[in-house]
Amino acid sequence: MTLTTSKQSAPSLGAPIRPSRWRFVAVLLLPLTAVAAIVMWGFAVNRAVSAEANGFSRGPLPGVVTVDGHPGTWTVYAERGTITGVRVADAAGEIPVTMTAPRSAGYDQGGTEATRVATFRVEPGRIGTWRVAVTGSSEGDGQFAVGEFDIGRYMRIHHAGMVALLVTDVAIAVAIAVVPAVRYRRLLRAQRKPL
């Protein structure tokens, strides 16, 4: 009985595998997916803002509205008009009001564009009825709204969400296409180097 031994040759590396073309198709589709996600995100934010705005106290512009509320930060919005001054008072006296920058954040409520014009903070222990009086001019049936909802803070969260979606989209695109393409080119360069 004769034993034969065969030498196994080491597997050759051969040509590097080119990244699949589907990766590049996926990268092309990612921006469309990001746009769709941002549109859906914006739709959800608008629905949430509209739901909050439905609960606001409203009055004619110029005019006065009485608010039964609790301590916290409250916001005054102009709906179809311009507010030039806001005064807030209760039985204990006036409450300081901070006017916001022109063209501040706002919302769209049933086709009515509203703009945040002022905020006021009611300190703890000051529960009761407040009188909110505004001066300004209206466009036909203009009115103002008062609510414990700061659209500016909400919009900052909204914008942060949009940025997060875009960053995620770019990161996925890099992971799917750029990284394999870079590895492929490095392998090609390594094989072309003379031994």
Protein backbone atom coordinates (compact mmCIF):
# COMPACT_ATOMS: atom_id res chain seq x y z
CA MET A 1 0.00 0.00 0.00
CA THR A 2 1.45 3.25 -1.08
CA LEU A 3 0.57 6.51 0.47
CA THR A 4 0.53 9.51 -1.74
CA THR A 5 0.61 12.98 -0.38
CA SER A 6 -0.59 15.90 -2.35
CA LYS A 7 0.38 19.43 -1.66
CA GLN A 8 -2.61 21.70 -1.32
CA SER A 9 -1.97 25.06 -2.81
CA ALA A 10 -3.12 28.13 -0.94
CA PRO A 11 -6.30 29.57 -2.42
CA SER A 12 -5.59 32.48 -4.68
CA LEU A 13 -7.10 35.78 -3.79
CA GLY A 14 -8.07 36.47 -7.38
CA ALA A 15 -9.74 39.71 -8.36
CA PRO A 16 -11.55 41.60 -5.62
CA ILE A 17 -15.30 41.33 -5.73
CA ARG A 18 -16.83 44.49 -7.16
CA PRO A 19 -19.55 45.97 -4.90
CA SER A 20 -23.02 45.10 -6.11
CA ARG A 21 -24.75 47.63 -8.31
CA TRP A 22 -27.79 47.29 -6.09
CA ARG A 23 -25.88 49.21 -3.47
CA PHE A 24 -25.71 52.21 -5.74
CA VAL A 25 -29.40 51.87 -6.63
CA ALA A 26 -30.17 51.84 -2.90
CA VAL A 27 -28.08 54.99 -2.43
CA LEU A 28 -30.10 56.70 -5.18
CA LEU A 29 -33.35 55.65 -3.51
CA LEU A 30 -32.26 56.84 -0.05
CA PRO A 31 -32.83 60.57 -0.77
CA LEU A 32 -36.38 59.78 -1.93
CA THR A 33 -36.95 57.81 1.26
CA ALA A 34 -35.56 60.70 3.33
CA VAL A 35 -37.83 63.20 1.58
CA ALA A 36 -40.86 60.96 2.18
CA ALA A 37 -39.90 60.56 5.85
CA ILE A 38 -39.48 64.33 6.28
CA VAL A 39 -42.87 64.99 4.64
CA MET A 40 -44.54 62.46 6.94
CA TRP A 41 -42.70 63.95 9.94
CA GLY A 42 -43.89 67.44 8.99
CA PHE A 43 -47.46 66.20 8.54
CA ALA A 44 -47.40 64.61 12.01
CA VAL A 45 -46.00 67.81 13.57
CA ASN A 46 -48.68 69.95 11.87
CA ARG A 47 -51.41 67.62 13.14
CA ALA A 48 -50.04 67.85 16.69
CA VAL A 49 -49.76 71.65 16.54
CA SER A 50 -53.32 71.98 15.18
CA ALA A 51 -54.62 69.76 17.99
CA GLU A 52 -52.90 72.00 20.56
CA ALA A 53 -54.14 75.19 18.89
CA ASN A 54 -57.75 73.98 19.05
CA GLY A 55 -57.62 74.36 22.83
CA PHE A 56 -56.50 78.00 22.86
CA SER A 57 -58.65 80.80 24.27
CA ARG A 58 -59.51 83.30 21.52
CA GLY A 59 -60.78 86.86 21.29
CA PRO A 60 -61.23 89.59 18.66
CA LEU A 61 -58.23 91.67 17.61
CA PRO A 62 -57.96 94.21 19.18
CA GLY A 63 -59.80 92.99 22.24
CA VAL A 64 -59.78 91.23 25.59
CA VAL A 65 -60.09 87.60 26.59
CA THR A 66 -60.40 86.05 30.06
CA VAL A 67 -58.31 82.97 30.71
CA ASP A 68 -58.81 80.49 33.56
CA GLY A 69 -55.38 79.00 33.92
CA HIS A 70 -52.57 77.82 36.11
CA PRO A 71 -48.91 78.74 36.63
CA GLY A 72 -46.56 78.24 33.71
CA THR A 73 -45.40 79.95 30.53
CA TRP A 74 -48.21 81.16 28.26
CA THR A 75 -48.02 82.41 24.69
CA VAL A 76 -50.08 84.96 22.76
CA TYR A 77 -50.59 84.44 19.01
CA ALA A 78 -52.00 86.76 16.35
CA GLU A 79 -54.38 85.13 13.88
CA ARG A 80 -55.11 87.23 10.78
CA GLY A 81 -53.82 90.47 12.22
CA THR A 82 -50.99 92.40 13.85
CA ILE A 83 -50.57 92.79 17.61
CA THR A 84 -48.69 95.85 18.84
CA GLY A 85 -49.17 95.47 22.60
CA VAL A 86 -50.19 92.87 25.21
CA ARG A 87 -51.21 93.41 28.84
CA VAL A 88 -51.95 90.59 31.26
CA ALA A 89 -53.40 91.12 34.73
CA ASP A 90 -55.24 89.31 37.49
CA ALA A 91 -56.65 90.37 40.86
CA ALA A 92 -53.09 90.66 42.26
CA GLY A 93 -51.94 93.06 39.54
CA GLU A 94 -50.13 93.01 36.22
CA ILE A 95 -48.06 90.09 34.98
CA PRO A 96 -44.89 90.99 33.00
CA VAL A 97 -45.13 90.24 29.26
CA THR A 98 -42.22 89.62 26.88
CA MET A 99 -42.83 90.58 23.26
CA THR A 100 -41.15 88.20 20.80
CA ALA A 101 -39.20 89.05 17.67
CA PRO A 102 -41.14 89.97 14.54
CA ARG A 103 -42.04 87.05 12.26
CA SER A 104 -41.65 84.64 15.17
CA ALA A 105 -42.69 80.99 14.96
CA GLY A 106 -46.34 80.29 14.34
CA TYR A 107 -48.83 77.73 13.11
CA ASP A 108 -51.47 77.22 10.45
CA GLN A 109 -54.90 76.59 11.92
CA GLY A 110 -57.59 75.71 9.39
CA GLY A 111 -56.05 77.95 6.74
CA THR A 112 -55.38 80.73 9.27
CA GLU A 113 -51.73 81.66 9.67
CA ALA A 114 -50.88 82.56 13.25
CA THR A 115 -47.72 84.19 14.61
CA ARG A 116 -46.31 84.07 18.13
CA VAL A 117 -46.13 87.66 19.41
CA ALA A 118 -45.67 87.50 23.18
CA THR A 119 -45.08 85.24 26.17
CA PHE A 120 -45.80 85.68 29.85
CA ARG A 121 -44.95 83.58 32.88
CA VAL A 122 -47.36 83.05 35.74
CA GLU A 123 -45.57 82.18 38.97
CA PRO A 124 -46.68 79.32 41.25
CA GLY A 125 -49.46 80.23 43.63
CA ARG A 126 -51.06 82.62 41.16
CA ILE A 127 -53.93 80.38 40.08
CA GLY A 128 -57.10 82.07 38.92
CA THR A 129 -58.54 84.19 36.16
CA TRP A 130 -56.35 86.45 34.03
CA ARG A 131 -57.37 89.23 31.72
CA VAL A 132 -55.37 89.34 28.48
CA ALA A 133 -55.81 92.58 26.53
CA VAL A 134 -54.20 93.16 23.14
CA THR A 135 -53.91 96.19 20.87
CA GLY A 136 -53.24 96.10 17.16
CA SER A 137 -54.98 95.86 13.83
CA SER A 138 -56.88 93.02 12.21
CA GLU A 139 -57.49 91.89 8.68
CA GLY A 140 -61.29 91.55 8.59
CA ASP A 141 -62.15 88.87 11.15
CA GLY A 142 -58.73 88.89 12.81
CA GLN A 143 -58.37 87.46 16.29
CA PHE A 144 -55.75 86.51 18.83
CA ALA A 145 -55.21 83.30 20.78
CA VAL A 146 -53.73 82.51 24.19
CA GLY A 147 -52.45 79.10 25.21
CA GLU A 148 -49.90 77.25 27.28
CA PHE A 149 -48.07 75.99 24.23
CA ASP A 150 -44.80 77.44 22.92
CA ILE A 151 -44.73 76.74 19.20
CA GLY A 152 -41.12 77.97 19.05
CA ARG A 153 -39.90 75.18 21.34
CA TYR A 154 -42.01 72.66 19.44
CA MET A 155 -40.55 73.79 16.12
CA ARG A 156 -37.02 73.43 17.49
CA ILE A 157 -37.84 69.78 18.25
CA HIS A 158 -39.33 69.48 14.75
CA HIS A 159 -36.19 70.87 13.09
CA ALA A 160 -33.95 68.63 15.22
CA GLY A 161 -35.98 65.64 14.03
CA MET A 162 -35.57 66.67 10.40
CA VAL A 163 -31.81 67.05 10.84
CA ALA A 164 -31.64 63.63 12.52
CA LEU A 165 -33.46 62.06 9.55
CA LEU A 166 -31.05 63.66 7.08
CA VAL A 167 -27.95 62.66 9.08
CA THR A 168 -29.25 59.09 9.32
CA ASP A 169 -29.88 59.05 5.57
CA VAL A 170 -26.32 60.20 4.81
CA ALA A 171 -24.85 57.68 7.28
CA ILE A 172 -26.77 54.81 5.67
CA ALA A 173 -25.68 55.95 2.19
CA VAL A 174 -22.04 55.96 3.31
CA ALA A 175 -22.39 52.51 4.89
CA ILE A 176 -24.08 51.00 1.82
CA ALA A 177 -22.03 52.45 -1.02
CA VAL A 178 -18.98 54.44 -0.07
CA VAL A 179 -17.37 52.02 2.39
CA PRO A 180 -17.51 48.95 0.06
CA ALA A 181 -16.31 51.08 -2.88
CA VAL A 182 -13.30 52.32 -0.88
CA ARG A 183 -12.44 48.76 0.17
CA TYR A 184 -12.70 47.58 -3.43
CA ARG A 185 -10.29 50.27 -4.64
CA ARG A 186 -7.82 49.47 -1.85
CA LEU A 187 -7.83 45.78 -2.85
CA LEU A 188 -7.25 46.73 -6.48
CA ARG A 189 -4.30 48.93 -5.51
CA ALA A 190 -2.85 46.20 -3.28
CA GLN A 191 -2.99 43.66 -6.14
CA ARG A 192 -1.33 46.00 -8.60
CA LYS A 193 1.65 46.59 -6.33
CA PRO A 194 4.73 44.63 -7.50
CA LEU A 195 5.89 41.91 -5.14
